[in-house]
């Protein structure tokens, strides 16, 4: 047969050497355990959270197929936005590789996401060059590489806190003179000469933008694809 039910009030009225002491010990233990668990719980987002979230600045550029594109045109649940250029020797290939890995990690969820790269090299990132770059990295569904003239790109760079600058490279050999004819070899040599005259110093942050066009999270190099994929899934579930 069960004894009378004891409420918190009755327990607190019991003698201090009896159930009241046990009750207080249990309460203190539960509080301490809760504190420990809350301290050791994993963070909900790995990237830098933008708190409060900020409106993602819109833009009017063209993609690799020369189609006009604006951020407001996208209805994806998450837009992954970064800044690249196709002749970049190290940073951009690393960022591209990591984001391609993220897309693969997300599996079917990747259909709910769009990846956007915006050029920081208006002079050399031509439609043909961009198509070659995307083909090289197997970037197809869900990807757009946006280009334009410097007057169109510069405001976008500023809005997303990008400050690209040219770094002239030392020329150890005389520049190749323009070809006397339009032979493929001559044109290719001239293009290669132009392509290697400078690099672009820039940062390549990765912004996660939600369906309300709010910038929620930003990642900076070095990137961890598993962390980016995790945060995207968190935004998809929010």
Protein backbone atom coordinates (compact mmCIF):
# COMPACT_ATOMS: atom_id res chain seq x y z
CA UNK A 1 0.00 0.00 0.00
CA UNK A 2 1.36 3.39 -1.02
CA UNK A 3 1.91 6.07 1.59
CA UNK A 4 0.48 9.59 1.43
CA UNK A 5 1.69 11.70 -1.52
CA UNK A 6 4.22 14.31 -0.46
CA UNK A 7 4.23 17.63 -2.23
CA UNK A 8 7.11 20.09 -2.32
CA UNK A 9 5.41 22.11 0.40
CA UNK A 10 5.06 19.15 2.75
CA UNK A 11 8.62 18.06 2.13
CA UNK A 12 9.92 21.48 3.07
CA UNK A 13 7.93 21.28 6.34
CA UNK A 14 9.53 17.98 7.34
CA UNK A 15 12.33 17.93 9.93
CA UNK A 16 15.72 19.01 8.52
CA UNK A 17 17.27 15.57 9.31
CA UNK A 18 14.65 13.74 7.24
CA UNK A 19 13.16 13.99 3.76
CA UNK A 20 13.67 17.74 3.57
CA UNK A 21 17.45 17.26 3.52
CA UNK A 22 17.20 14.52 0.90
CA UNK A 23 14.93 16.68 -1.23
CA UNK A 24 17.32 19.62 -1.14
CA UNK A 25 20.25 17.36 -2.06
CA UNK A 26 18.31 16.05 -5.06
CA UNK A 27 17.40 19.57 -6.19
CA UNK A 28 21.00 20.78 -5.91
CA UNK A 29 22.25 17.70 -7.74
CA UNK A 30 19.79 18.16 -10.57
CA UNK A 31 20.72 21.83 -10.89
CA UNK A 32 24.43 21.02 -11.03
CA UNK A 33 23.86 18.28 -13.63
CA UNK A 34 21.80 20.64 -15.76
CA UNK A 35 24.58 23.25 -15.63
CA UNK A 36 27.21 20.71 -16.65
CA UNK A 37 25.13 19.46 -19.57
CA UNK A 38 24.38 22.95 -20.80
CA UNK A 39 28.07 23.83 -20.77
CA UNK A 40 29.09 20.70 -22.66
CA UNK A 41 26.25 20.77 -25.22
CA UNK A 42 27.42 21.21 -28.84
CA UNK A 43 27.02 24.62 -30.43
CA UNK A 44 24.01 24.97 -32.70
CA UNK A 45 25.98 26.73 -35.46
CA UNK A 46 29.67 26.52 -36.33
CA UNK A 47 29.94 29.68 -38.44
CA UNK A 48 29.88 33.26 -37.20
CA UNK A 49 26.23 34.02 -36.49
CA UNK A 50 25.04 37.42 -37.68
CA UNK A 51 22.99 38.61 -34.73
CA UNK A 52 20.76 40.26 -35.59
CA UNK A 53 20.45 38.85 -39.09
CA UNK A 54 21.01 41.40 -41.84
CA UNK A 55 19.26 41.90 -45.16
CA UNK A 56 21.42 40.46 -47.93
CA UNK A 57 22.14 43.27 -50.44
CA UNK A 58 20.62 42.58 -53.84
CA UNK A 59 22.55 42.81 -57.12
CA UNK A 60 21.98 42.81 -60.87
CA UNK A 61 24.64 40.80 -62.68
CA UNK A 62 24.88 38.10 -65.37
CA UNK A 63 25.60 34.42 -64.95
CA UNK A 64 27.93 32.14 -66.94
CA UNK A 65 25.30 31.86 -69.69
CA UNK A 66 24.96 35.65 -69.87
CA UNK A 67 21.50 35.59 -68.29
CA UNK A 68 20.55 38.51 -66.02
CA UNK A 69 20.49 37.47 -62.36
CA UNK A 70 19.37 39.15 -59.12
CA UNK A 71 19.36 37.75 -55.61
CA UNK A 72 15.63 38.34 -55.39
CA UNK A 73 15.16 35.91 -58.29
CA UNK A 74 16.21 32.97 -56.11
CA UNK A 75 13.56 31.04 -54.23
CA UNK A 76 15.97 28.55 -52.65
CA UNK A 77 15.64 27.94 -48.92
CA UNK A 78 19.33 28.71 -48.49
CA UNK A 79 21.71 30.59 -50.79
CA UNK A 80 25.43 29.98 -50.34
CA UNK A 81 27.29 33.05 -51.60
CA UNK A 82 31.03 33.58 -52.06
CA UNK A 83 33.56 35.51 -54.19
CA UNK A 84 36.04 33.96 -56.62
CA UNK A 85 38.05 34.46 -59.78
CA UNK A 86 38.97 31.81 -62.30
CA UNK A 87 42.73 32.52 -62.49
CA UNK A 88 43.11 32.37 -58.70
CA UNK A 89 46.08 30.12 -57.84
CA UNK A 90 45.18 28.84 -54.35
CA UNK A 91 42.32 30.38 -52.34
CA UNK A 92 39.54 30.09 -54.90
CA UNK A 93 40.26 26.48 -55.88
CA UNK A 94 40.20 25.56 -52.18
CA UNK A 95 36.89 27.35 -51.59
CA UNK A 96 35.39 25.86 -54.76
CA UNK A 97 36.47 22.35 -53.77
CA UNK A 98 35.06 22.73 -50.25
CA UNK A 99 31.70 24.04 -51.45
CA UNK A 100 31.43 21.25 -54.01
CA UNK A 101 32.04 18.82 -51.13
CA UNK A 102 29.30 20.57 -49.14
CA UNK A 103 26.85 20.11 -52.01
CA UNK A 104 27.67 16.41 -52.18
CA UNK A 105 27.37 15.98 -48.40
CA UNK A 106 23.89 17.46 -48.42
CA UNK A 107 22.56 14.83 -50.80
CA UNK A 108 18.90 15.43 -51.65
CA UNK A 109 18.84 18.54 -49.46
CA UNK A 110 21.14 20.21 -52.01
CA UNK A 111 18.09 20.62 -54.25
CA UNK A 112 16.82 23.19 -51.76
CA UNK A 113 20.01 25.26 -52.01
CA UNK A 114 21.70 27.52 -54.57
CA UNK A 115 25.43 28.18 -54.72
CA UNK A 116 26.50 31.56 -56.09
CA UNK A 117 30.02 32.74 -56.86
CA UNK A 118 30.56 36.40 -57.72
CA UNK A 119 33.63 37.40 -59.70
CA UNK A 120 36.31 39.71 -58.31
CA UNK A 121 38.11 39.83 -61.68
CA UNK A 122 35.85 41.51 -64.25
CA UNK A 123 38.61 41.78 -66.84
CA UNK A 124 39.43 38.07 -67.16
CA UNK A 125 36.29 36.30 -65.92
CA UNK A 126 34.59 36.14 -69.29
CA UNK A 127 31.62 33.85 -69.98
CA UNK A 128 33.80 31.34 -71.84
CA UNK A 129 36.46 31.34 -69.15
CA UNK A 130 33.85 30.87 -66.42
CA UNK A 131 32.23 27.97 -68.29
CA UNK A 132 35.65 26.31 -68.55
CA UNK A 133 36.20 26.80 -64.81
CA UNK A 134 32.82 25.36 -63.90
CA UNK A 135 33.37 22.40 -66.20
CA UNK A 136 36.78 21.76 -64.66
CA UNK A 137 35.27 21.65 -61.15
CA UNK A 138 32.11 19.81 -62.24
CA UNK A 139 29.83 22.61 -61.06
CA UNK A 140 26.47 22.19 -62.70
CA UNK A 141 23.03 22.00 -61.07
CA UNK A 142 22.46 24.56 -58.36
CA UNK A 143 25.50 26.70 -59.27
CA UNK A 144 25.77 30.16 -60.77
CA UNK A 145 28.95 32.16 -61.41
CA UNK A 146 28.08 35.84 -61.73
CA UNK A 147 30.14 38.28 -63.76
CA UNK A 148 29.94 41.84 -65.00
CA UNK A 149 31.84 45.04 -65.57
CA UNK A 150 33.76 46.58 -62.68
CA UNK A 151 31.21 49.37 -62.32
CA UNK A 152 28.56 46.69 -61.73
CA UNK A 153 30.63 44.46 -59.47
CA UNK A 154 32.26 47.13 -57.29
CA UNK A 155 29.05 48.05 -55.38
CA UNK A 156 28.42 44.35 -54.71
CA UNK A 157 31.96 43.92 -53.36
CA UNK A 158 31.45 46.87 -51.06
CA UNK A 159 28.07 45.65 -49.80
CA UNK A 160 29.56 42.28 -48.88
CA UNK A 161 32.78 43.72 -47.42
CA UNK A 162 35.07 42.55 -50.22
CA UNK A 163 38.02 44.73 -51.26
CA UNK A 164 39.84 43.06 -54.18
CA UNK A 165 43.06 44.60 -55.45
CA UNK A 166 45.43 43.76 -58.27
CA UNK A 167 48.93 42.48 -57.55
CA UNK A 168 51.18 42.92 -60.54
CA UNK A 169 53.41 39.90 -61.09
CA UNK A 170 57.09 40.23 -62.01
CA UNK A 171 57.67 39.59 -65.66
CA UNK A 172 60.89 37.62 -66.04
CA UNK A 173 60.51 37.29 -69.78
CA UNK A 174 59.57 39.87 -72.41
CA UNK A 175 55.86 40.16 -73.00
CA UNK A 176 54.51 38.24 -75.95
CA UNK A 177 53.73 40.57 -78.82
CA UNK A 178 50.29 40.36 -80.43
CA UNK A 179 50.21 37.61 -83.05
CA UNK A 180 50.54 38.60 -86.67
CA UNK A 181 47.66 36.33 -87.53
CA UNK A 182 44.68 34.83 -85.76
CA UNK A 183 46.29 31.43 -85.56
CA UNK A 184 45.08 29.37 -82.57
CA UNK A 185 48.60 29.07 -81.18
CA UNK A 186 49.22 32.80 -81.35
CA UNK A 187 45.91 33.74 -79.75
CA UNK A 188 46.38 31.16 -76.99
CA UNK A 189 49.88 32.45 -76.23
CA UNK A 190 48.62 36.01 -76.00
CA UNK A 191 45.75 34.99 -73.70
CA UNK A 192 48.16 33.12 -71.45
CA UNK A 193 50.43 36.16 -71.28
CA UNK A 194 47.54 38.40 -70.26
CA UNK A 195 46.29 35.85 -67.76
CA UNK A 196 49.55 35.72 -65.83
CA UNK A 197 50.23 39.44 -65.54
CA UNK A 198 48.50 39.86 -62.17
CA UNK A 199 46.78 38.17 -59.27
CA UNK A 200 43.85 39.45 -57.23
CA UNK A 201 44.26 39.88 -53.48
CA UNK A 202 40.88 39.31 -51.87
CA UNK A 203 38.97 37.47 -49.19
CA UNK A 204 36.42 34.76 -49.93
CA UNK A 205 33.84 34.71 -47.15
CA UNK A 206 31.01 32.23 -47.48
CA UNK A 207 27.61 33.69 -46.57
CA UNK A 208 24.57 31.56 -45.74
CA UNK A 209 21.43 33.46 -46.72
CA UNK A 210 17.98 32.18 -45.77
CA UNK A 211 14.78 32.19 -47.84
CA UNK A 212 13.84 35.58 -46.40
CA UNK A 213 17.06 36.95 -47.95
CA UNK A 214 18.61 37.43 -44.53
CA UNK A 215 22.34 36.85 -43.98
CA UNK A 216 22.40 34.43 -41.07
CA UNK A 217 25.90 32.91 -40.92
CA UNK A 218 29.31 33.70 -42.42
CA UNK A 219 32.36 31.44 -42.73
CA UNK A 220 35.93 32.54 -43.39
CA UNK A 221 38.97 30.52 -44.42
CA UNK A 222 40.11 27.95 -43.58
CA UNK A 223 36.79 26.28 -44.31
CA UNK A 224 35.49 22.98 -42.97
CA UNK A 225 32.88 21.50 -45.35
CA UNK A 226 31.30 19.44 -42.56
CA UNK A 227 30.68 22.59 -40.52
CA UNK A 228 29.14 24.43 -43.47
CA UNK A 229 26.90 21.46 -44.30
CA UNK A 230 25.83 21.25 -40.65
CA UNK A 231 24.86 24.94 -40.51
CA UNK A 232 22.96 24.71 -43.78
CA UNK A 233 20.92 21.83 -42.40
CA UNK A 234 20.22 23.88 -39.28
CA UNK A 235 18.89 26.72 -41.44
CA UNK A 236 16.82 24.32 -43.54
CA UNK A 237 15.19 23.08 -40.36
CA UNK A 238 14.57 26.53 -38.87
